[in-house]
Amino acid sequence: MYSEATRPILSCAAMTCEMDSVSGPLQILQDINFTLAPRRALGIVGESGAGKSMLVKAIMGIAPKGLKTMGRIELEGQDLLALKPRDRARLIGRKVGIVFQNPMTSLNPFVQIGRQIEEAGCIHMGLSKAEARSRAIELLSFVGLPDPEDCYDYYPHQFSGGMKQRIMIAAALICQPDLLIADEATTALDVTVQKEVLDLLQTIQAERQMSMILVSHNLGVVAGRTDEILVLYGGNVVEYGPTAEVFRNPRHRYTEALLSAMPAMDQPAHTRLRTIPGQPPNLANRPAGCPFAPRCPSAQAICHEVMPPMSAGIHPDHRFACHFPLAELPRPAQQEVAHVQ
């Protein structure tokens, strides 16, 4: 049993999501298992269509109508799937803040940004108008907007994309949540602004002693900012473990392919980047075995027939689902692991 101090902020156990279609049930997510401890950061990575955003929406209770979620999703020990929708919304609204991908579409263009930031505080924390305004201005200053008292009365069109995302971060923090989720929060921003926003999220997590989930298709985003990494492919977890260990010693062929596709700083100019041949699996015609088998150069007959179970290597917290995993490298010295992070 967990103590109050060690109980996970969030955990998913045997979580599966499916949706009805004319061709039968579509398995969107299959047997998702992970835990997120207090004050830790988890990276969720994978290609477009891997199921990253659907996983976040299923946790938040904002998945598309018709999606059936099974298994367990526990937020601070409470099973979200067992709660009534209204009670679940209240708990999530109070405990979880979320920053979505596109700040341009997340903000109402006809409402002053201060009112949009304070809304959740009034609903979930019972803040008075004066208290909500004070906290919204404080948060605008905290996320780096100049003249926050003036900004409170401005409209979204008066801000740049990076500033809009900072406003969304302020809105996510209004209820002082224990968990902050950033779902591709920097994808719509240019590279320099991406770094500023990611650095801000990392600072917020450290200063406020929060847990955080960073969702991204870019491994570079999670490399130095997360404690654990969960690799999704075709709605399945294919690798999960400490970030430094997964980067140093990937065991699944898909993780290796993602890492190999990243550009390296020491590569000569105009070096052709590696790609992953083929396409992600069609959910309406999901392969019987490993979902990555049709694209894997090392796949054998069993890979196309049987889904591999999650296995552990030398590192007890590093798990992977592969019949023929990559060879495990010798354990590095502690300072080498720290350098990878």
C-alpha atoms as a PDB file:
ATOM      1  CA  MET A   1       0.000   0.000   0.000  1.00  0.00           C
ATOM      2  CA  TYR A   2       1.091   3.539  -0.706  1.00  0.00           C
ATOM      3  CA  SER A   3       1.520   6.171   1.998  1.00  0.00           C
ATOM      4  CA  GLU A   4       0.101   9.653   1.514  1.00  0.00           C
ATOM      5  CA  ALA A   5       3.558  10.899   0.519  1.00  0.00           C
ATOM      6  CA  THR A   6       4.353   8.134  -1.989  1.00  0.00           C
ATOM      7  CA  ARG A   7       0.909   7.493  -3.508  1.00  0.00           C
ATOM      8  CA  PRO A   8       1.022   8.142  -7.276  1.00  0.00           C
ATOM      9  CA  ILE A   9      -0.572  11.325  -8.534  1.00  0.00           C
ATOM     10  CA  LEU A  10      -1.848   9.407 -11.559  1.00  0.00           C
ATOM     11  CA  SER A  11      -1.901   5.763 -12.565  1.00  0.00           C
ATOM     12  CA  CYS A  12      -3.444   3.781 -15.382  1.00  0.00           C
ATOM     13  CA  ALA A  13      -3.941   0.017 -15.105  1.00  0.00           C
ATOM     14  CA  ALA A  14      -5.067  -2.175 -18.014  1.00  0.00           C
ATOM     15  CA  MET A  15      -6.658   0.900 -19.585  1.00  0.00           C
ATOM     16  CA  THR A  16      -8.242   0.218 -22.966  1.00  0.00           C
ATOM     17  CA  CYS A  17     -10.212   2.581 -25.194  1.00  0.00           C
ATOM     18  CA  GLU A  18     -12.388   1.509 -28.076  1.00  0.00           C
ATOM     19  CA  MET A  19     -14.934   3.114 -30.371  1.00  0.00           C
ATOM     20  CA  ASP A  20     -17.732   1.530 -32.396  1.00  0.00           C
ATOM     21  CA  SER A  21     -17.562   1.779 -36.165  1.00  0.00           C
ATOM     22  CA  VAL A  22     -19.333   0.269 -39.160  1.00  0.00           C
ATOM     23  CA  SER A  23     -16.576  -2.343 -39.397  1.00  0.00           C
ATOM     24  CA  GLY A  24     -16.715  -3.207 -35.676  1.00  0.00           C
ATOM     25  CA  PRO A  25     -14.973  -1.903 -32.524  1.00  0.00           C
ATOM     26  CA  LEU A  26     -11.835   0.131 -33.125  1.00  0.00           C
ATOM     27  CA  GLN A  27      -9.154  -0.418 -30.480  1.00  0.00           C
ATOM     28  CA  ILE A  28      -7.730   3.087 -29.997  1.00  0.00           C
ATOM     29  CA  LEU A  29      -5.632   2.261 -26.922  1.00  0.00           C
ATOM     30  CA  GLN A  30      -4.761  -1.189 -25.583  1.00  0.00           C
ATOM     31  CA  ASP A  31      -3.641  -2.231 -22.099  1.00  0.00           C
ATOM     32  CA  ILE A  32      -2.051   1.054 -21.009  1.00  0.00           C
ATOM     33  CA  ASN A  33      -0.152   0.776 -17.723  1.00  0.00           C
ATOM     34  CA  PHE A  34       1.930   3.456 -16.007  1.00  0.00           C
ATOM     35  CA  THR A  35       2.260   5.408 -12.771  1.00  0.00           C
ATOM     36  CA  LEU A  36       3.306   8.998 -12.158  1.00  0.00           C
ATOM     37  CA  ALA A  37       4.754   9.793  -8.728  1.00  0.00           C
ATOM     38  CA  PRO A  38       4.521  13.163  -6.954  1.00  0.00           C
ATOM     39  CA  ARG A  39       6.877  15.852  -8.281  1.00  0.00           C
ATOM     40  CA  ARG A  40       7.935  13.688 -11.243  1.00  0.00           C
ATOM     41  CA  ALA A  41       7.672  14.371 -14.973  1.00  0.00           C
ATOM     42  CA  LEU A  42       6.533  11.817 -17.562  1.00  0.00           C
ATOM     43  CA  GLY A  43       7.098  12.142 -21.299  1.00  0.00           C
ATOM     44  CA  ILE A  44       4.634  10.479 -23.675  1.00  0.00           C
ATOM     45  CA  VAL A  45       6.062  10.197 -27.195  1.00  0.00           C
ATOM     46  CA  GLY A  46       5.179   8.668 -30.544  1.00  0.00           C
ATOM     47  CA  GLU A  47       4.246   9.513 -34.118  1.00  0.00           C
ATOM     48  CA  SER A  48       1.005  11.203 -35.087  1.00  0.00           C
ATOM     49  CA  GLY A  49      -1.756   8.642 -34.688  1.00  0.00           C
ATOM     50  CA  ALA A  50       0.056   6.725 -31.933  1.00  0.00           C
ATOM     51  CA  GLY A  51      -2.698   7.553 -29.441  1.00  0.00           C
ATOM     52  CA  LYS A  52      -0.945  10.235 -27.356  1.00  0.00           C
ATOM     53  CA  SER A  53      -3.670  12.868 -27.369  1.00  0.00           C
ATOM     54  CA  MET A  54      -6.419  10.254 -27.065  1.00  0.00           C
ATOM     55  CA  LEU A  55      -4.729   8.948 -23.929  1.00  0.00           C
ATOM     56  CA  VAL A  56      -4.745  12.447 -22.431  1.00  0.00           C
ATOM     57  CA  LYS A  57      -8.376  13.017 -23.402  1.00  0.00           C
ATOM     58  CA  ALA A  58      -9.424   9.688 -21.900  1.00  0.00           C
ATOM     59  CA  ILE A  59      -7.708  10.610 -18.642  1.00  0.00           C
ATOM     60  CA  MET A  60      -9.292  14.061 -18.601  1.00  0.00           C
ATOM     61  CA  GLY A  61     -12.754  12.735 -19.474  1.00  0.00           C
ATOM     62  CA  ILE A  62     -12.982  14.828 -22.631  1.00  0.00           C
ATOM     63  CA  ALA A  63     -12.662  12.033 -25.196  1.00  0.00           C
ATOM     64  CA  PRO A  64     -14.973  12.070 -28.235  1.00  0.00           C
ATOM     65  CA  LYS A  65     -18.524  10.878 -27.744  1.00  0.00           C
ATOM     66  CA  GLY A  66     -18.781   7.127 -28.246  1.00  0.00           C
ATOM     67  CA  LEU A  67     -15.330   6.303 -26.902  1.00  0.00           C
ATOM     68  CA  LYS A  68     -15.522   3.531 -24.287  1.00  0.00           C
ATOM     69  CA  THR A  69     -12.781   3.543 -21.661  1.00  0.00           C
ATOM     70  CA  MET A  70     -12.156   0.426 -19.569  1.00  0.00           C
ATOM     71  CA  GLY A  71      -9.686  -0.539 -16.864  1.00  0.00           C
ATOM     72  CA  ARG A  72      -8.636   1.864 -14.114  1.00  0.00           C
ATOM     73  CA  ILE A  73      -7.521   5.484 -14.158  1.00  0.00           C
ATOM     74  CA  GLU A  74      -6.671   6.657 -10.649  1.00  0.00           C
ATOM     75  CA  LEU A  75      -6.061  10.287  -9.718  1.00  0.00           C
ATOM     76  CA  GLU A  76      -4.574  10.487  -6.228  1.00  0.00           C
ATOM     77  CA  GLY A  77      -6.122   7.111  -5.392  1.00  0.00           C
ATOM     78  CA  GLN A  78      -9.607   7.774  -6.770  1.00  0.00           C
ATOM     79  CA  ASP A  79     -10.778   5.706  -9.745  1.00  0.00           C
ATOM     80  CA  LEU A  80     -11.983   8.295 -12.252  1.00  0.00           C
ATOM     81  CA  LEU A  81     -13.976   5.747 -14.256  1.00  0.00           C
ATOM     82  CA  ALA A  82     -16.027   4.854 -11.183  1.00  0.00           C
ATOM     83  CA  LEU A  83     -17.083   8.459 -10.510  1.00  0.00           C
ATOM     84  CA  LYS A  84     -20.188  10.155 -11.820  1.00  0.00           C
ATOM     85  CA  PRO A  85     -19.349  12.531 -14.724  1.00  0.00           C
ATOM     86  CA  ARG A  86     -19.977  15.656 -12.634  1.00  0.00           C
ATOM     87  CA  ASP A  87     -17.860  14.421  -9.720  1.00  0.00           C
ATOM     88  CA  ARG A  88     -15.098  13.405 -12.119  1.00  0.00           C
ATOM     89  CA  ALA A  89     -15.135  16.836 -13.763  1.00  0.00           C
ATOM     90  CA  ARG A  90     -14.894  18.558 -10.376  1.00  0.00           C
ATOM     91  CA  LEU A  91     -11.981  16.414  -9.238  1.00  0.00           C
ATOM     92  CA  ILE A  92     -10.045  16.838 -12.483  1.00  0.00           C
ATOM     93  CA  GLY A  93     -10.813  20.565 -12.620  1.00  0.00           C
ATOM     94  CA  ARG A  94      -9.359  21.004  -9.167  1.00  0.00           C
ATOM     95  CA  LYS A  95      -6.382  18.636  -9.393  1.00  0.00           C
ATOM     96  CA  VAL A  96      -5.262  18.779 -13.046  1.00  0.00           C
ATOM     97  CA  GLY A  97      -4.300  21.678 -15.291  1.00  0.00           C
ATOM     98  CA  ILE A  98      -3.928  21.163 -19.043  1.00  0.00           C
ATOM     99  CA  VAL A  99      -2.293  23.155 -21.823  1.00  0.00           C
ATOM    100  CA  PHE A 100      -3.436  22.170 -25.307  1.00  0.00           C
ATOM    101  CA  GLN A 101      -1.568  22.263 -28.592  1.00  0.00           C
ATOM    102  CA  ASN A 102      -2.891  25.385 -30.273  1.00  0.00           C
ATOM    103  CA  PRO A 103      -3.344  28.507 -28.123  1.00  0.00           C
ATOM    104  CA  MET A 104      -5.010  30.278 -31.064  1.00  0.00           C
ATOM    105  CA  THR A 105      -8.015  27.963 -30.828  1.00  0.00           C
ATOM    106  CA  SER A 106      -7.933  27.432 -27.052  1.00  0.00           C
ATOM    107  CA  LEU A 107      -8.836  31.024 -26.199  1.00  0.00           C
ATOM    108  CA  ASN A 108     -12.215  32.645 -26.836  1.00  0.00           C
ATOM    109  CA  PRO A 109     -11.502  35.648 -29.102  1.00  0.00           C
ATOM    110  CA  PHE A 110     -14.456  37.607 -27.706  1.00  0.00           C
ATOM    111  CA  VAL A 111     -13.585  37.364 -23.994  1.00  0.00           C
ATOM    112  CA  GLN A 112     -10.882  39.261 -22.123  1.00  0.00           C
ATOM    113  CA  ILE A 113      -8.029  36.966 -21.197  1.00  0.00           C
ATOM    114  CA  GLY A 114      -8.264  37.766 -17.486  1.00  0.00           C
ATOM    115  CA  ARG A 115     -11.818  36.483 -17.339  1.00  0.00           C
ATOM    116  CA  GLN A 116     -10.801  33.313 -19.175  1.00  0.00           C
ATOM    117  CA  ILE A 117      -7.965  32.642 -16.717  1.00  0.00           C
ATOM    118  CA  GLU A 118     -10.069  33.150 -13.611  1.00  0.00           C
ATOM    119  CA  GLU A 119     -13.120  31.139 -14.725  1.00  0.00           C
ATOM    120  CA  ALA A 120     -11.902  27.744 -13.441  1.00  0.00           C
ATOM    121  CA  GLY A 121     -10.905  29.286 -10.112  1.00  0.00           C
ATOM    122  CA  CYS A 122     -14.407  30.620  -9.585  1.00  0.00           C
ATOM    123  CA  ILE A 123     -16.035  27.316 -10.559  1.00  0.00           C
ATOM    124  CA  HIS A 124     -13.767  24.799  -8.832  1.00  0.00           C
ATOM    125  CA  MET A 125     -12.369  26.775  -5.887  1.00  0.00           C
ATOM    126  CA  GLY A 126     -15.207  29.160  -5.128  1.00  0.00           C
ATOM    127  CA  LEU A 127     -13.024  32.245  -5.485  1.00  0.00           C
ATOM    128  CA  SER A 128     -14.731  35.591  -5.263  1.00  0.00           C
ATOM    129  CA  LYS A 129     -14.451  37.951  -8.216  1.00  0.00           C
ATOM    130  CA  ALA A 130     -11.805  40.024  -6.421  1.00  0.00           C
ATOM    131  CA  GLU A 131      -9.796  36.943  -5.371  1.00  0.00           C
ATOM    132  CA  ALA A 132      -9.951  35.476  -8.867  1.00  0.00           C
ATOM    133  CA  ARG A 133      -8.817  38.730 -10.461  1.00  0.00           C
ATOM    134  CA  SER A 134      -5.927  39.067  -8.021  1.00  0.00           C
ATOM    135  CA  ARG A 135      -4.791  35.503  -8.644  1.00  0.00           C
ATOM    136  CA  ALA A 136      -5.122  35.863 -12.438  1.00  0.00           C
ATOM    137  CA  ILE A 137      -2.939  38.993 -12.423  1.00  0.00           C
ATOM    138  CA  GLU A 138      -0.412  37.256 -10.198  1.00  0.00           C
ATOM    139  CA  LEU A 139      -0.248  34.321 -12.617  1.00  0.00           C
ATOM    140  CA  LEU A 140       0.104  36.576 -15.655  1.00  0.00           C
ATOM    141  CA  SER A 141       3.144  38.064 -13.969  1.00  0.00           C
ATOM    142  CA  PHE A 142       4.435  34.619 -13.007  1.00  0.00           C
ATOM    143  CA  VAL A 143       4.337  33.326 -16.606  1.00  0.00           C
ATOM    144  CA  GLY A 144       6.241  36.363 -17.821  1.00  0.00           C
ATOM    145  CA  LEU A 145       3.686  38.746 -19.348  1.00  0.00           C
ATOM    146  CA  PRO A 146       4.659  42.410 -18.945  1.00  0.00           C
ATOM    147  CA  ASP A 147       2.170  44.821 -17.331  1.00  0.00           C
ATOM    148  CA  PRO A 148      -0.113  42.012 -16.123  1.00  0.00           C
ATOM    149  CA  GLU A 149      -2.777  44.388 -14.771  1.00  0.00           C
ATOM    150  CA  ASP A 150      -3.201  45.902 -18.215  1.00  0.00           C
ATOM    151  CA  CYS A 151      -2.987  42.503 -19.939  1.00  0.00           C
ATOM    152  CA  TYR A 152      -5.885  41.258 -17.806  1.00  0.00           C
ATOM    153  CA  ASP A 153      -8.283  43.394 -19.869  1.00  0.00           C
ATOM    154  CA  TYR A 154      -6.794  42.618 -23.275  1.00  0.00           C
ATOM    155  CA  TYR A 155      -8.250  40.221 -25.875  1.00  0.00           C
ATOM    156  CA  PRO A 156      -6.424  37.227 -27.388  1.00  0.00           C
ATOM    157  CA  HIS A 157      -5.776  38.928 -30.740  1.00  0.00           C
ATOM    158  CA  GLN A 158      -3.558  41.446 -28.946  1.00  0.00           C
ATOM    159  CA  PHE A 159      -0.950  38.782 -28.123  1.00  0.00           C
ATOM    160  CA  SER A 160       1.574  36.721 -30.093  1.00  0.00           C
ATOM    161  CA  GLY A 161       1.383  32.926 -30.259  1.00  0.00           C
ATOM    162  CA  GLY A 162       3.982  32.480 -27.521  1.00  0.00           C
ATOM    163  CA  MET A 163       2.186  34.932 -25.256  1.00  0.00           C
ATOM    164  CA  LYS A 164      -1.118  33.147 -25.869  1.00  0.00           C
ATOM    165  CA  GLN A 165       0.463  29.893 -24.733  1.00  0.00           C
ATOM    166  CA  ARG A 166       1.741  31.604 -21.581  1.00  0.00           C
ATOM    167  CA  ILE A 167      -1.818  32.761 -20.951  1.00  0.00           C
ATOM    168  CA  MET A 168      -3.018  29.159 -21.321  1.00  0.00           C
ATOM    169  CA  ILE A 169      -0.389  28.065 -18.804  1.00  0.00           C
ATOM    170  CA  ALA A 170      -1.653  30.724 -16.379  1.00  0.00           C
ATOM    171  CA  ALA A 171      -5.205  29.428 -16.865  1.00  0.00           C
ATOM    172  CA  ALA A 172      -4.017  25.873 -16.174  1.00  0.00           C
ATOM    173  CA  LEU A 173      -2.471  26.993 -12.874  1.00  0.00           C
ATOM    174  CA  ILE A 174      -5.384  29.005 -11.472  1.00  0.00           C
ATOM    175  CA  CYS A 175      -6.630  26.108  -9.278  1.00  0.00           C
ATOM    176  CA  GLN A 176      -3.129  25.283  -8.033  1.00  0.00           C
ATOM    177  CA  PRO A 177      -3.249  21.754  -9.501  1.00  0.00           C
ATOM    178  CA  ASP A 178      -1.077  18.836  -8.452  1.00  0.00           C
ATOM    179  CA  LEU A 179      -0.607  17.696 -12.068  1.00  0.00           C
ATOM    180  CA  LEU A 180       0.070  19.762 -15.186  1.00  0.00           C
ATOM    181  CA  ILE A 181      -0.418  18.178 -18.618  1.00  0.00           C
ATOM    182  CA  ALA A 182       1.116  19.795 -21.708  1.00  0.00           C
ATOM    183  CA  ASP A 183      -0.356  18.133 -24.806  1.00  0.00           C
ATOM    184  CA  GLU A 184       1.942  19.091 -27.708  1.00  0.00           C
ATOM    185  CA  ALA A 185       1.980  22.545 -26.103  1.00  0.00           C
ATOM    186  CA  THR A 186       4.760  23.937 -28.313  1.00  0.00           C
ATOM    187  CA  THR A 187       3.987  22.383 -31.712  1.00  0.00           C
ATOM    188  CA  ALA A 188       2.319  25.513 -33.120  1.00  0.00           C
ATOM    189  CA  LEU A 189       5.174  27.822 -32.019  1.00  0.00           C
ATOM    190  CA  ASP A 190       8.480  28.683 -33.670  1.00  0.00           C
ATOM    191  CA  VAL A 191      11.634  27.046 -32.345  1.00  0.00           C
ATOM    192  CA  THR A 192      12.928  29.849 -30.127  1.00  0.00           C
ATOM    193  CA  VAL A 193       9.512  30.376 -28.529  1.00  0.00           C
ATOM    194  CA  GLN A 194       9.173  26.601 -28.068  1.00  0.00           C
ATOM    195  CA  LYS A 195      12.261  26.583 -25.860  1.00  0.00           C
ATOM    196  CA  GLU A 196      11.012  29.537 -23.819  1.00  0.00           C
ATOM    197  CA  VAL A 197       7.676  27.818 -23.148  1.00  0.00           C
ATOM    198  CA  LEU A 198       9.295  24.459 -22.330  1.00  0.00           C
ATOM    199  CA  ASP A 199      11.746  26.125 -19.956  1.00  0.00           C
ATOM    200  CA  LEU A 200       8.814  27.911 -18.303  1.00  0.00           C
ATOM    201  CA  LEU A 201       6.948  24.621 -17.825  1.00  0.00           C
ATOM    202  CA  GLN A 202      10.037  23.049 -16.288  1.00  0.00           C
ATOM    203  CA  THR A 203      10.485  26.001 -13.940  1.00  0.00           C
ATOM    204  CA  ILE A 204       6.821  25.889 -12.897  1.00  0.00           C
ATOM    205  CA  GLN A 205       7.040  22.191 -12.123  1.00  0.00           C
ATOM    206  CA  ALA A 206      10.135  22.672  -9.956  1.00  0.00           C
ATOM    207  CA  GLU A 207       8.929  25.775  -8.109  1.00  0.00           C
ATOM    208  CA  ARG A 208       5.418  24.500  -7.449  1.00  0.00           C
ATOM    209  CA  GLN A 209       6.452  20.906  -6.696  1.00  0.00           C
ATOM    210  CA  MET A 210       3.972  19.545  -9.250  1.00  0.00           C
ATOM    211  CA  SER A 211       3.878  16.420 -11.344  1.00  0.00           C
ATOM    212  CA  MET A 212       3.890  16.969 -15.111  1.00  0.00           C
ATOM    213  CA  ILE A 213       3.127  15.078 -18.308  1.00  0.00           C
ATOM    214  CA  LEU A 214       4.787  16.285 -21.504  1.00  0.00           C
ATOM    215  CA  VAL A 215       3.169  14.879 -24.656  1.00  0.00           C
ATOM    216  CA  SER A 216       5.213  15.264 -27.822  1.00  0.00           C
ATOM    217  CA  HIS A 217       6.215  13.630 -31.095  1.00  0.00           C
ATOM    218  CA  ASN A 218       9.648  15.227 -30.596  1.00  0.00           C
ATOM    219  CA  LEU A 219      12.028  13.207 -28.433  1.00  0.00           C
ATOM    220  CA  GLY A 220      14.188  16.291 -27.965  1.00  0.00           C
ATOM    221  CA  VAL A 221      11.361  17.952 -26.030  1.00  0.00           C
ATOM    222  CA  VAL A 222      11.289  15.242 -23.354  1.00  0.00           C
ATOM    223  CA  ALA A 223      15.004  14.372 -23.305  1.00  0.00           C
ATOM    224  CA  GLY A 224      16.132  16.669 -20.506  1.00  0.00           C
ATOM    225  CA  ARG A 225      12.793  17.583 -18.987  1.00  0.00           C
ATOM    226  CA  THR A 226      11.256  14.284 -17.860  1.00  0.00           C
ATOM    227  CA  ASP A 227      12.087  11.549 -15.373  1.00  0.00           C
ATOM    228  CA  GLU A 228      10.307   8.723 -17.201  1.00  0.00           C
ATOM    229  CA  ILE A 229       9.300   8.199 -20.797  1.00  0.00           C
ATOM    230  CA  LEU A 230       6.431   6.180 -22.259  1.00  0.00           C
ATOM    231  CA  VAL A 231       6.679   5.307 -25.955  1.00  0.00           C
ATOM    232  CA  LEU A 232       3.355   4.715 -27.722  1.00  0.00           C
ATOM    233  CA  TYR A 233       2.869   3.039 -31.075  1.00  0.00           C
ATOM    234  CA  GLY A 234      -0.448   2.023 -32.603  1.00  0.00           C
ATOM    235  CA  GLY A 235      -2.212   2.570 -29.290  1.00  0.00           C
ATOM    236  CA  ASN A 236       0.163   0.248 -27.398  1.00  0.00           C
ATOM    237  CA  VAL A 237       2.931   0.992 -24.936  1.00  0.00           C
ATOM    238  CA  VAL A 238       6.047  -0.430 -26.577  1.00  0.00           C
ATOM    239  CA  GLU A 239       8.651   0.904 -24.125  1.00  0.00           C
ATOM    240  CA  TYR A 240       8.518   2.547 -20.702  1.00  0.00           C
ATOM    241  CA  GLY A 241      11.213   3.496 -18.244  1.00  0.00           C
ATOM    242  CA  PRO A 242      13.561   6.157 -16.878  1.00  0.00           C
ATOM    243  CA  THR A 243      14.237   8.725 -19.589  1.00  0.00           C
ATOM    244  CA  ALA A 244      18.022   8.549 -19.349  1.00  0.00           C
ATOM    245  CA  GLU A 245      17.942   4.744 -19.490  1.00  0.00           C
ATOM    246  CA  VAL A 246      15.605   4.607 -22.503  1.00  0.00           C
ATOM    247  CA  PHE A 247      17.708   7.150 -24.427  1.00  0.00           C
ATOM    248  CA  ARG A 248      20.976   5.431 -23.548  1.00  0.00           C
ATOM    249  CA  ASN A 249      19.752   1.895 -23.963  1.00  0.00           C
ATOM    250  CA  PRO A 250      16.591   1.580 -26.132  1.00  0.00           C
ATOM    251  CA  ARG A 251      15.369  -2.005 -26.343  1.00  0.00           C
ATOM    252  CA  HIS A 252      12.383  -1.722 -28.728  1.00  0.00           C
ATOM    253  CA  ARG A 253      13.082  -1.323 -32.453  1.00  0.00           C
ATOM    254  CA  TYR A 254      10.553   1.509 -32.716  1.00  0.00           C
ATOM    255  CA  THR A 255      12.262   3.539 -29.992  1.00  0.00           C
ATOM    256  CA  GLU A 256      15.579   3.000 -31.730  1.00  0.00           C
ATOM    257  CA  ALA A 257      14.043   4.167 -35.021  1.00  0.00           C
ATOM    258  CA  LEU A 258      12.703   7.342 -33.389  1.00  0.00           C
ATOM    259  CA  LEU A 259      16.088   8.111 -31.844  1.00  0.00           C
ATOM    260  CA  SER A 260      17.867   7.423 -35.136  1.00  0.00           C
ATOM    261  CA  ALA A 261      15.561   9.861 -36.936  1.00  0.00           C
ATOM    262  CA  MET A 262      16.655  12.738 -34.688  1.00  0.00           C
ATOM    263  CA  PRO A 263      19.173  15.153 -36.254  1.00  0.00           C
ATOM    264  CA  ALA A 264      22.568  15.279 -34.547  1.00  0.00           C
ATOM    265  CA  MET A 265      24.479  18.494 -33.908  1.00  0.00           C
ATOM    266  CA  ASP A 266      27.725  16.975 -35.205  1.00  0.00           C
ATOM    267  CA  GLN A 267      26.244  15.915 -38.567  1.00  0.00           C
ATOM    268  CA  PRO A 268      27.521  17.746 -41.666  1.00  0.00           C
ATOM    269  CA  ALA A 269      25.145  20.179 -43.332  1.00  0.00           C
ATOM    270  CA  HIS A 270      22.585  18.641 -45.710  1.00  0.00           C
ATOM    271  CA  THR A 271      22.959  15.172 -44.164  1.00  0.00           C
ATOM    272  CA  ARG A 272      19.941  13.103 -45.131  1.00  0.00           C
ATOM    273  CA  LEU A 273      17.890  12.262 -42.054  1.00  0.00           C
ATOM    274  CA  ARG A 274      16.848   8.678 -41.400  1.00  0.00           C
ATOM    275  CA  THR A 275      13.177   7.854 -41.746  1.00  0.00           C
ATOM    276  CA  ILE A 276      10.926   4.996 -40.689  1.00  0.00           C
ATOM    277  CA  PRO A 277       9.554   3.298 -43.829  1.00  0.00           C
ATOM    278  CA  GLY A 278       5.864   2.460 -43.997  1.00  0.00           C
ATOM    279  CA  GLN A 279       2.820   3.859 -42.216  1.00  0.00           C
ATOM    280  CA  PRO A 280       1.317   3.542 -38.721  1.00  0.00           C
ATOM    281  CA  PRO A 281      -1.221   0.709 -38.389  1.00  0.00           C
ATOM    282  CA  ASN A 282      -4.780   1.103 -39.580  1.00  0.00           C
ATOM    283  CA  LEU A 283      -6.958   0.795 -36.469  1.00  0.00           C
ATOM    284  CA  ALA A 284      -9.751  -0.707 -38.543  1.00  0.00           C
ATOM    285  CA  ASN A 285      -7.408  -3.500 -39.593  1.00  0.00           C
ATOM    286  CA  ARG A 286      -5.036  -3.815 -36.666  1.00  0.00           C
ATOM    287  CA  PRO A 287      -2.252  -6.408 -37.074  1.00  0.00           C
ATOM    288  CA  ALA A 288      -2.587  -9.542 -34.937  1.00  0.00           C
ATOM    289  CA  GLY A 289       0.902  -9.356 -33.453  1.00  0.00           C
ATOM    290  CA  CYS A 290       3.224  -6.488 -32.686  1.00  0.00           C
ATOM    291  CA  PRO A 291       1.807  -3.300 -34.254  1.00  0.00           C
ATOM    292  CA  PHE A 292       5.298  -2.295 -35.406  1.00  0.00           C
ATOM    293  CA  ALA A 293       6.040  -5.632 -37.101  1.00  0.00           C
ATOM    294  CA  PRO A 294       5.044  -4.511 -40.650  1.00  0.00           C
ATOM    295  CA  ARG A 295       7.659  -1.719 -40.469  1.00  0.00           C
ATOM    296  CA  CYS A 296      10.315  -3.529 -38.450  1.00  0.00           C
ATOM    297  CA  PRO A 297      13.367  -4.785 -40.396  1.00  0.00           C
ATOM    298  CA  SER A 298      14.009  -7.440 -37.724  1.00  0.00           C
ATOM    299  CA  ALA A 299      10.471  -8.847 -37.546  1.00  0.00           C
ATOM    300  CA  GLN A 300      10.041 -12.616 -37.683  1.00  0.00           C
ATOM    301  CA  ALA A 301       6.958 -14.820 -38.024  1.00  0.00           C
ATOM    302  CA  ILE A 302       5.990 -14.659 -34.348  1.00  0.00           C
ATOM    303  CA  CYS A 303       6.074 -10.855 -34.462  1.00  0.00           C
ATOM    304  CA  HIS A 304       3.199 -10.861 -36.967  1.00  0.00           C
ATOM    305  CA  GLU A 305       1.178 -13.379 -34.966  1.00  0.00           C
ATOM    306  CA  VAL A 306       1.595 -12.706 -31.226  1.00  0.00           C
ATOM    307  CA  MET A 307       1.663  -9.405 -29.340  1.00  0.00           C
ATOM    308  CA  PRO A 308       4.818  -9.502 -27.209  1.00  0.00           C
ATOM    309  CA  PRO A 309       4.361  -9.078 -23.440  1.00  0.00           C
ATOM    310  CA  MET A 310       6.086  -6.303 -21.510  1.00  0.00           C
ATOM    311  CA  SER A 311       9.497  -7.561 -20.360  1.00  0.00           C
ATOM    312  CA  ALA A 312      12.123  -6.058 -18.063  1.00  0.00           C
ATOM    313  CA  GLY A 313      15.839  -5.814 -18.622  1.00  0.00           C
ATOM    314  CA  ILE A 314      18.635  -5.342 -16.113  1.00  0.00           C
ATOM    315  CA  HIS A 315      17.134  -2.040 -15.009  1.00  0.00           C
ATOM    316  CA  PRO A 316      14.012  -3.072 -13.057  1.00  0.00           C
ATOM    317  CA  ASP A 317      11.974  -0.038 -14.126  1.00  0.00           C
ATOM    318  CA  HIS A 318      12.799  -0.301 -17.834  1.00  0.00           C
ATOM    319  CA  ARG A 319      10.202  -2.384 -19.699  1.00  0.00           C
ATOM    320  CA  PHE A 320       9.607  -3.092 -23.381  1.00  0.00           C
ATOM    321  CA  ALA A 321       7.292  -5.169 -25.578  1.00  0.00           C
ATOM    322  CA  CYS A 322       9.465  -6.880 -28.165  1.00  0.00           C
ATOM    323  CA  HIS A 323      10.076 -10.545 -29.046  1.00  0.00           C
ATOM    324  CA  PHE A 324      13.595  -9.759 -30.263  1.00  0.00           C
ATOM    325  CA  PRO A 325      14.751  -6.682 -28.342  1.00  0.00           C
ATOM    326  CA  LEU A 326      17.966  -4.853 -29.005  1.00  0.00           C
ATOM    327  CA  ALA A 327      20.955  -6.094 -27.039  1.00  0.00           C
ATOM    328  CA  GLU A 328      21.331  -4.491 -23.648  1.00  0.00           C
ATOM    329  CA  LEU A 329      24.399  -2.290 -23.253  1.00  0.00           C
ATOM    330  CA  PRO A 330      26.707  -2.576 -20.234  1.00  0.00           C
ATOM    331  CA  ARG A 331      25.675  -0.420 -17.276  1.00  0.00           C
ATOM    332  CA  PRO A 332      27.380   3.004 -17.378  1.00  0.00           C
ATOM    333  CA  ALA A 333      28.890   4.820 -14.431  1.00  0.00           C
ATOM    334  CA  GLN A 334      26.441   7.026 -12.543  1.00  0.00           C
ATOM    335  CA  GLN A 335      27.959  10.221 -13.895  1.00  0.00           C
ATOM    336  CA  GLU A 336      27.338   9.008 -17.455  1.00  0.00           C
ATOM    337  CA  VAL A 337      23.611   8.549 -16.781  1.00  0.00           C
ATOM    338  CA  ALA A 338      23.449  12.015 -15.247  1.00  0.00           C
ATOM    339  CA  HIS A 339      25.109  13.428 -18.358  1.00  0.00           C
ATOM    340  CA  VAL A 340      22.472  11.847 -20.618  1.00  0.00           C
ATOM    341  CA  GLN A 341      19.743  13.645 -18.647  1.00  0.00           C
END
